[in-house]
Protein backbone atom coordinates (compact mmCIF):
# COMPACT_ATOMS: atom_id res chain seq x y z
CA MET A 1 6.78 -4.69 -21.67
CA THR A 2 9.02 -7.33 -23.09
CA THR A 3 9.60 -7.51 -26.81
CA THR A 4 7.64 -10.05 -28.80
CA GLY A 5 9.16 -13.48 -28.58
CA ALA A 6 11.39 -12.65 -25.62
CA PRO A 7 11.28 -15.09 -22.74
CA ALA A 8 8.87 -13.98 -20.03
CA PRO A 9 10.52 -13.12 -16.72
CA ARG A 10 10.05 -15.23 -13.64
CA LEU A 11 10.15 -14.49 -9.95
CA SER A 12 13.75 -14.05 -8.86
CA THR A 13 15.25 -16.04 -6.01
CA THR A 14 15.03 -12.91 -3.83
CA ASP A 15 11.33 -12.52 -4.60
CA ARG A 16 10.57 -16.19 -3.99
CA TRP A 17 12.16 -15.97 -0.56
CA LEU A 18 10.63 -12.58 0.23
CA PRO A 19 7.80 -13.96 2.44
CA VAL A 20 10.39 -15.67 4.67
CA SER A 21 12.53 -12.53 4.71
CA ILE A 22 9.55 -10.36 5.65
CA GLY A 23 8.57 -12.74 8.45
CA ALA A 24 12.10 -12.58 9.80
CA ALA A 25 12.13 -8.77 9.48
CA MET A 26 8.86 -8.51 11.41
CA ALA A 27 10.21 -10.75 14.17
CA VAL A 28 13.48 -8.80 14.39
CA GLY A 29 11.59 -5.52 14.55
CA LEU A 30 9.21 -6.69 17.26
CA LEU A 31 12.03 -8.09 19.39
CA ALA A 32 14.14 -4.98 18.92
CA GLY A 33 11.23 -2.72 19.88
CA ARG A 34 10.60 -4.86 22.92
CA TRP A 35 14.13 -5.35 24.20
CA VAL A 36 16.27 -2.42 22.98
CA PRO A 37 15.81 0.44 25.49
CA GLY A 38 14.88 3.80 23.98
CA LEU A 39 14.78 2.51 20.40
CA GLY A 40 11.22 3.70 19.76
CA GLY A 41 12.01 7.19 21.01
CA LEU A 42 15.17 7.32 18.90
CA LEU A 43 13.34 6.27 15.72
CA GLY A 44 10.56 8.78 16.33
CA ALA A 45 12.85 11.67 17.26
CA VAL A 46 12.95 13.10 13.73
CA GLU A 47 9.93 13.01 11.44
CA ILE A 48 9.04 13.82 7.82
CA GLY A 49 5.35 14.35 7.15
CA GLY A 50 4.53 12.89 10.56
CA ILE A 51 6.52 9.70 9.82
CA SER A 52 9.80 8.66 11.47
CA LEU A 53 12.74 9.79 9.29
CA PRO A 54 14.38 6.32 9.06
CA ILE A 55 11.03 4.79 8.04
CA ALA A 56 10.50 7.56 5.50
CA VAL A 57 13.92 6.80 4.00
CA GLY A 58 13.04 3.11 3.81
CA LEU A 59 9.77 3.86 2.01
CA LEU A 60 11.50 6.11 -0.51
CA VAL A 61 14.23 3.53 -1.19
CA MET A 62 11.53 0.89 -1.62
CA MET A 63 9.42 2.90 -4.08
CA TYR A 64 12.11 4.52 -6.24
CA PRO A 65 13.32 1.43 -8.18
CA VAL A 66 9.76 0.37 -8.97
CA LEU A 67 8.81 3.84 -10.21
CA ALA A 68 12.03 3.96 -12.26
CA LYS A 69 10.72 0.87 -14.12
CA VAL A 70 7.53 2.65 -15.26
CA ARG A 71 7.39 3.51 -18.95
CA TYR A 72 6.00 7.00 -18.61
CA ASP A 73 5.43 7.35 -22.36
CA GLN A 74 2.76 4.64 -22.09
CA LEU A 75 0.62 6.27 -19.39
CA GLY A 76 -1.85 7.55 -21.97
CA GLY A 77 -3.01 4.00 -22.65
CA VAL A 78 -3.90 3.63 -18.98
CA THR A 79 -5.76 6.92 -18.58
CA GLY A 80 -7.80 6.03 -21.66
CA ASP A 81 -9.03 2.79 -20.06
CA ARG A 82 -12.29 4.06 -18.60
CA ARG A 83 -13.22 0.67 -17.16
CA LEU A 84 -10.06 0.58 -15.08
CA MET A 85 -10.27 4.20 -13.95
CA VAL A 86 -13.96 4.13 -12.96
CA ALA A 87 -13.63 0.75 -11.23
CA SER A 88 -10.59 1.94 -9.25
CA LEU A 89 -12.27 5.17 -8.11
CA ALA A 90 -15.42 3.32 -7.05
CA LEU A 91 -13.53 0.57 -5.20
CA ASN A 92 -11.13 2.95 -3.45
CA TRP A 93 -13.40 5.81 -2.46
CA LEU A 94 -16.83 4.21 -2.11
CA VAL A 95 -16.53 0.47 -1.53
CA GLY A 96 -13.30 0.37 0.54
CA PRO A 97 -14.30 2.95 3.18
CA ALA A 98 -17.81 1.47 3.38
CA VAL A 99 -16.50 -2.07 3.89
CA MET A 100 -14.09 -0.94 6.62
CA PHE A 101 -16.81 1.10 8.33
CA ALA A 102 -19.13 -1.92 8.39
CA LEU A 103 -16.43 -4.31 9.62
CA ALA A 104 -15.26 -1.89 12.33
CA TRP A 105 -18.76 -1.65 13.76
CA LEU A 106 -19.45 -5.36 13.31
CA PHE A 107 -16.28 -6.61 15.04
CA LEU A 108 -15.58 -3.77 17.49
CA PRO A 109 -18.94 -2.45 18.74
CA ASP A 110 -17.62 -2.24 22.31
CA LEU A 111 -14.22 -0.67 21.51
CA PRO A 112 -14.85 2.82 20.11
CA ALA A 113 -11.20 3.91 19.97
CA TYR A 114 -10.07 0.89 17.93
CA ARG A 115 -13.20 1.20 15.79
CA THR A 116 -12.45 4.83 14.99
CA GLY A 117 -8.86 3.93 14.15
CA LEU A 118 -10.01 1.29 11.67
CA VAL A 119 -12.40 3.73 10.00
CA VAL A 120 -9.49 6.13 9.51
CA VAL A 121 -7.41 3.29 8.06
CA GLY A 122 -10.20 2.57 5.58
CA LEU A 123 -10.09 6.16 4.35
CA ALA A 124 -6.30 6.20 3.84
CA ARG A 125 -5.89 4.66 0.40
CA CYS A 126 -2.52 3.16 -0.41
CA ILE A 127 0.14 5.21 -2.22
CA ALA A 128 3.34 3.51 -1.04
CA MET A 129 3.74 -0.23 -0.49
CA VAL A 130 1.17 -1.06 -3.16
CA VAL A 131 3.77 -0.36 -5.86
CA ILE A 132 5.97 -3.20 -4.66
CA TRP A 133 3.13 -5.73 -4.18
CA ASN A 134 1.93 -4.88 -7.70
CA ASP A 135 5.44 -5.29 -9.11
CA LEU A 136 5.99 -8.63 -7.37
CA ALA A 137 2.71 -9.93 -8.85
CA PHE A 138 3.63 -8.64 -12.34
CA GLY A 139 0.84 -6.10 -12.36
CA ASP A 140 0.78 -3.25 -14.85
CA ARG A 141 3.40 -0.75 -13.64
CA GLU A 142 2.03 2.08 -15.74
CA ALA A 143 -1.49 1.46 -14.45
CA ALA A 144 -0.18 1.34 -10.87
CA ALA A 145 1.57 4.69 -11.31
CA VAL A 146 -1.60 6.31 -12.64
CA LEU A 147 -3.93 4.81 -10.02
CA VAL A 148 -1.58 5.71 -7.18
CA ALA A 149 -1.39 9.28 -8.48
CA VAL A 150 -5.18 9.47 -8.75
CA ASN A 151 -5.54 8.10 -5.22
CA SER A 152 -3.11 10.74 -4.02
CA VAL A 153 -5.13 13.57 -5.52
CA PHE A 154 -8.35 12.20 -4.04
CA GLN A 155 -6.59 11.71 -0.71
CA VAL A 156 -5.69 15.38 -0.55
CA LEU A 157 -9.13 16.56 -1.66
CA ALA A 158 -11.43 14.07 0.05
CA PHE A 159 -9.78 12.57 3.14
CA ALA A 160 -10.81 15.23 5.65
CA GLY A 161 -14.37 15.43 4.30
CA LEU A 162 -14.82 11.67 4.22
CA GLY A 163 -13.40 11.44 7.73
CA TRP A 164 -15.97 13.94 8.97
CA PHE A 165 -18.77 12.09 7.14
CA SER A 166 -17.72 8.59 8.28
CA LEU A 167 -17.11 9.48 11.92
CA SER A 168 -19.64 12.25 12.59
CA VAL A 169 -22.46 12.22 10.03
CA LEU A 170 -23.02 8.59 9.02
CA PRO A 171 -23.07 7.20 12.59
CA GLY A 172 -25.65 9.84 13.50
CA TRP A 173 -27.86 8.79 10.61
CA LEU A 174 -27.62 5.18 11.81
CA GLY A 175 -28.25 6.09 15.46
CA LEU A 176 -24.67 5.22 16.47
CA PRO A 177 -22.14 7.17 18.57
CA SER A 178 -20.03 9.62 16.58
CA ALA A 179 -16.42 10.83 16.78
CA GLU A 180 -14.38 13.75 15.48
CA LEU A 181 -11.31 13.87 13.24
CA ASP A 182 -9.11 16.94 13.11
CA VAL A 183 -6.83 16.85 10.06
CA SER A 184 -5.92 19.50 7.51
CA ALA A 185 -5.59 19.06 3.76
CA TRP A 186 -2.02 20.38 4.03
CA GLU A 187 -0.98 17.53 6.35
CA ILE A 188 -2.26 15.01 3.82
CA ALA A 189 -0.74 16.88 0.87
CA ARG A 190 2.62 16.96 2.63
CA SER A 191 2.51 13.20 3.14
CA VAL A 192 1.61 12.67 -0.52
CA LEU A 193 4.35 15.00 -1.75
CA VAL A 194 7.00 13.24 0.34
CA PHE A 195 6.03 9.59 -0.10
CA LEU A 196 4.80 9.70 -3.71
CA GLY A 197 6.11 12.93 -5.20
CA VAL A 198 9.79 12.42 -4.37
CA PRO A 199 10.20 8.83 -5.66
CA LEU A 200 7.90 9.51 -8.63
CA VAL A 201 9.95 12.50 -9.80
CA ALA A 202 13.19 10.60 -9.14
CA GLY A 203 11.95 7.58 -11.10
CA TYR A 204 10.73 9.71 -14.00
CA LEU A 205 14.00 11.67 -14.24
CA THR A 206 16.08 8.49 -14.00
CA ARG A 207 14.26 6.94 -16.95
CA ARG A 208 14.13 10.14 -18.98
CA LEU A 209 17.81 10.97 -18.54
CA GLY A 210 18.98 7.35 -18.75
CA GLU A 211 17.14 6.65 -22.00
CA ARG A 212 18.27 9.97 -23.47
CA ALA A 213 21.91 9.20 -22.65
CA ARG A 214 22.15 5.48 -23.48
CA GLY A 215 18.84 4.34 -24.99
CA ARG A 216 15.99 2.15 -23.75
CA ASP A 217 17.71 -1.19 -24.31
CA TRP A 218 20.67 -0.19 -22.10
CA TYR A 219 18.36 1.37 -19.51
CA GLU A 220 16.17 -1.73 -19.14
CA SER A 221 18.85 -4.40 -19.57
CA ARG A 222 21.71 -2.79 -17.64
CA LEU A 223 20.55 -0.07 -15.26
CA LEU A 224 17.21 -1.41 -14.01
CA PRO A 225 18.70 -4.76 -12.89
CA ARG A 226 21.09 -2.77 -10.69
CA LEU A 227 18.31 -0.64 -9.21
CA GLY A 228 15.79 -3.48 -8.77
CA PRO A 229 17.28 -5.19 -5.69
CA TRP A 230 16.97 -1.97 -3.70
CA ALA A 231 13.17 -2.25 -3.65
CA PRO A 232 13.02 -5.41 -1.49
CA ARG A 233 15.92 -4.09 0.60
CA GLY A 234 13.99 -0.90 1.27
CA LEU A 235 10.89 -2.95 2.09
CA LEU A 236 12.70 -5.15 4.60
CA PHE A 237 14.42 -2.14 6.19
CA THR A 238 11.04 -0.39 6.51
CA VAL A 239 9.37 -3.47 8.01
CA VAL A 240 12.09 -3.87 10.65
CA LEU A 241 11.88 -0.21 11.70
CA LEU A 242 8.09 -0.02 11.55
CA PHE A 243 7.71 -2.98 13.87
CA ALA A 244 10.57 -1.87 16.10
CA LEU A 245 8.87 1.50 16.57
CA GLN A 246 5.67 -0.16 17.79
CA GLY A 247 7.04 -3.46 19.09
CA ARG A 248 6.26 -2.88 22.76
CA GLU A 249 2.67 -1.73 22.11
CA ILE A 250 2.00 -4.78 19.95
CA THR A 251 3.54 -7.34 22.32
CA ASP A 252 2.02 -5.79 25.46
CA ARG A 253 -1.57 -6.09 24.19
CA PRO A 254 -1.89 -9.36 22.26
CA LEU A 255 -5.66 -9.70 22.79
CA ASP A 256 -6.26 -6.17 21.53
CA VAL A 257 -4.05 -6.90 18.53
CA ALA A 258 -6.15 -9.98 17.78
CA ARG A 259 -9.41 -8.01 18.04
CA ILE A 260 -8.12 -5.38 15.61
CA ALA A 261 -6.50 -7.91 13.27
CA LEU A 262 -9.67 -9.93 12.63
CA PRO A 263 -11.64 -7.21 10.79
CA LEU A 264 -8.48 -6.25 8.92
CA LEU A 265 -8.04 -9.82 7.70
CA VAL A 266 -11.62 -9.88 6.47
CA TYR A 267 -11.18 -6.47 4.87
CA PHE A 268 -8.09 -7.46 2.86
CA ALA A 269 -9.68 -10.72 1.72
CA VAL A 270 -12.96 -9.09 0.68
CA MET A 271 -11.40 -6.08 -1.04
CA TRP A 272 -8.71 -8.01 -2.91
CA ALA A 273 -10.89 -10.94 -4.00
CA GLY A 274 -13.80 -8.65 -4.88
CA SER A 275 -11.59 -6.29 -6.89
CA PHE A 276 -9.90 -9.21 -8.64
CA ALA A 277 -13.30 -10.59 -9.60
CA VAL A 278 -14.42 -7.16 -10.86
CA GLY A 279 -11.32 -6.87 -13.03
CA ARG A 280 -11.88 -10.34 -14.47
CA TRP A 281 -15.54 -9.53 -15.13
CA LEU A 282 -14.60 -6.28 -16.87
CA GLY A 283 -12.12 -8.14 -19.08
CA LEU A 284 -9.15 -6.05 -18.00
CA GLY A 285 -6.55 -8.79 -18.43
CA TYR A 286 -4.28 -10.23 -15.77
CA SER A 287 -1.86 -7.35 -15.25
CA ARG A 288 -4.45 -4.58 -14.90
CA THR A 289 -6.78 -6.77 -12.86
CA THR A 290 -3.88 -7.41 -10.47
CA THR A 291 -3.14 -3.70 -10.25
CA LEU A 292 -6.79 -2.93 -9.59
CA ALA A 293 -6.93 -5.53 -6.80
CA PHE A 294 -3.78 -4.41 -4.98
CA THR A 295 -4.51 -0.68 -5.23
CA ALA A 296 -8.00 -1.31 -3.84
CA ALA A 297 -6.94 -3.65 -1.03
CA GLY A 298 -3.89 -1.77 0.27
CA ASN A 299 -4.03 1.10 2.74
CA ASN A 300 -1.79 4.03 3.60
CA PHE A 301 -1.02 3.06 7.19
CA GLU A 302 1.68 5.70 7.35
CA LEU A 303 -0.95 8.40 6.86
CA ALA A 304 -3.46 6.68 9.17
CA ILE A 305 -0.89 6.46 11.97
CA ALA A 306 0.18 10.08 11.49
CA VAL A 307 -3.42 11.35 11.54
CA THR A 308 -4.52 9.30 14.57
CA VAL A 309 -1.40 10.23 16.53
CA ALA A 310 -1.89 13.92 15.76
CA THR A 311 -5.61 13.83 16.59
CA PHE A 312 -5.86 11.35 19.46
CA GLY A 313 -2.30 10.96 20.78
CA ALA A 314 0.53 8.47 20.35
CA THR A 315 -0.77 6.12 23.07
CA SER A 316 -4.42 6.22 21.97
CA GLY A 317 -6.46 3.23 20.86
CA GLU A 318 -7.03 4.97 17.53
CA ALA A 319 -3.28 5.06 16.90
CA MET A 320 -2.99 1.42 18.04
CA ALA A 321 -5.41 0.37 15.29
CA GLY A 322 -3.17 2.03 12.72
CA VAL A 323 -0.10 0.35 14.19
CA VAL A 324 -1.64 -3.12 13.93
CA GLY A 325 -2.44 -2.46 10.27
CA PRO A 326 0.99 -3.27 8.82
CA LEU A 327 1.27 -6.30 11.11
CA VAL A 328 -1.67 -7.76 9.19
CA GLU A 329 -1.26 -6.14 5.79
CA VAL A 330 2.35 -7.09 5.07
CA PRO A 331 2.05 -10.90 5.38
CA VAL A 332 -1.47 -10.99 3.94
CA LEU A 333 -0.59 -9.02 0.80
CA VAL A 334 2.57 -11.09 0.31
CA ALA A 335 0.32 -14.15 0.34
CA LEU A 336 -2.03 -12.44 -2.12
CA VAL A 337 0.89 -11.85 -4.48
CA HIS A 338 1.18 -15.62 -4.76
CA ALA A 339 -2.60 -15.96 -5.05
CA ALA A 340 -2.55 -13.54 -7.98
CA LEU A 341 0.27 -15.43 -9.71
CA ALA A 342 -1.62 -18.70 -9.23
CA ALA A 343 -4.69 -17.15 -10.91
CA ARG A 344 -2.87 -16.38 -14.19
CA PRO A 345 -4.46 -19.31 -16.08
CA TRP A 346 -7.88 -17.66 -15.64
CA PHE A 347 -6.92 -14.86 -18.02
CA PRO A 348 -6.46 -14.95 -21.80
CA ALA A 349 -3.19 -13.52 -23.12
CA ARG A 350 -3.33 -9.79 -23.86
CA GLY A 351 -0.79 -7.28 -25.16
CA GLU A 352 -0.38 -5.50 -21.83
CA ASP A 353 0.34 -8.87 -20.17
CA ALA A 354 3.62 -9.38 -22.08
CA ASP A 355 5.67 -9.00 -18.88
CA VAL A 356 3.67 -11.63 -16.99
CA PRO A 357 5.51 -14.94 -16.53
CA PRO A 358 3.71 -18.11 -17.63
CA ALA A 359 1.85 -20.09 -15.04
CA PRO A 360 3.86 -23.04 -13.72
């Protein structure tokens, strides 16, 4: 948090132009995947946790600077906020999967493979890109670190069981066709350890050692500004590679992409707006309400793609649904960053909102 009386930070020029940069990165990735022979096979040749190595590197570069900004000595104030913790658990592990299940059946009753893929997406709660959306919207970094860690634990413990329930048990109760999902807890744990554990440990050690050597003022005024630009660079690098890896599949089936995208658009709008309203109703303040909304609306498409590819095959409709996810999520959540910033006047000033820039 900024010191009392210090000028509140504003969106940097890089952040203001990020939507344009992301759009360009998506276009470059799609064109590269379509027109560069063998690029998809090259990117997928080496994997970490079921994810292409270059994409994994991009995700880690994206997350590390944000997690290095977290003030880990203030996490206790987040874990003690029962309203935030209970609301996040309910939204992520009850409401989110239920909303996606309902939308998948409502919009895709005649396309079981895509429907199953969307249900899997709904179960994969976000542990990666959410940290950068939260940071861009001036959400509570400490709260984001805690909620992402909690989601990770629940992901390891509950993903396989919820997948079995959502695809095999619940449809049977409702008289609907069922499906099977074969995924081990170790596969999920490995993904969590790589994509959250590595940057989280790196960020914690950077702050701990940096503050011990030079003090907090130097760390936050000198080192963090040097690390910060690497987060959007990592994001853009990841977006280019992610879309290049799946560019041909996306451009070859535009009508299928549209069918999958529609329930995803509704899902992001409902989950983000509903979570934002819940945070406002609970009186959480702007920064924690923003964190609650983005952690509830985002999904771990990396995990969803890895699971559907391993279970149903790389060319399956289930995997296609996971692939379309980032195509919709990235631009929508960038837009929601600006929606969150525009909603700042709705919230009274609170101590944990000291880092939030004033509304224009």
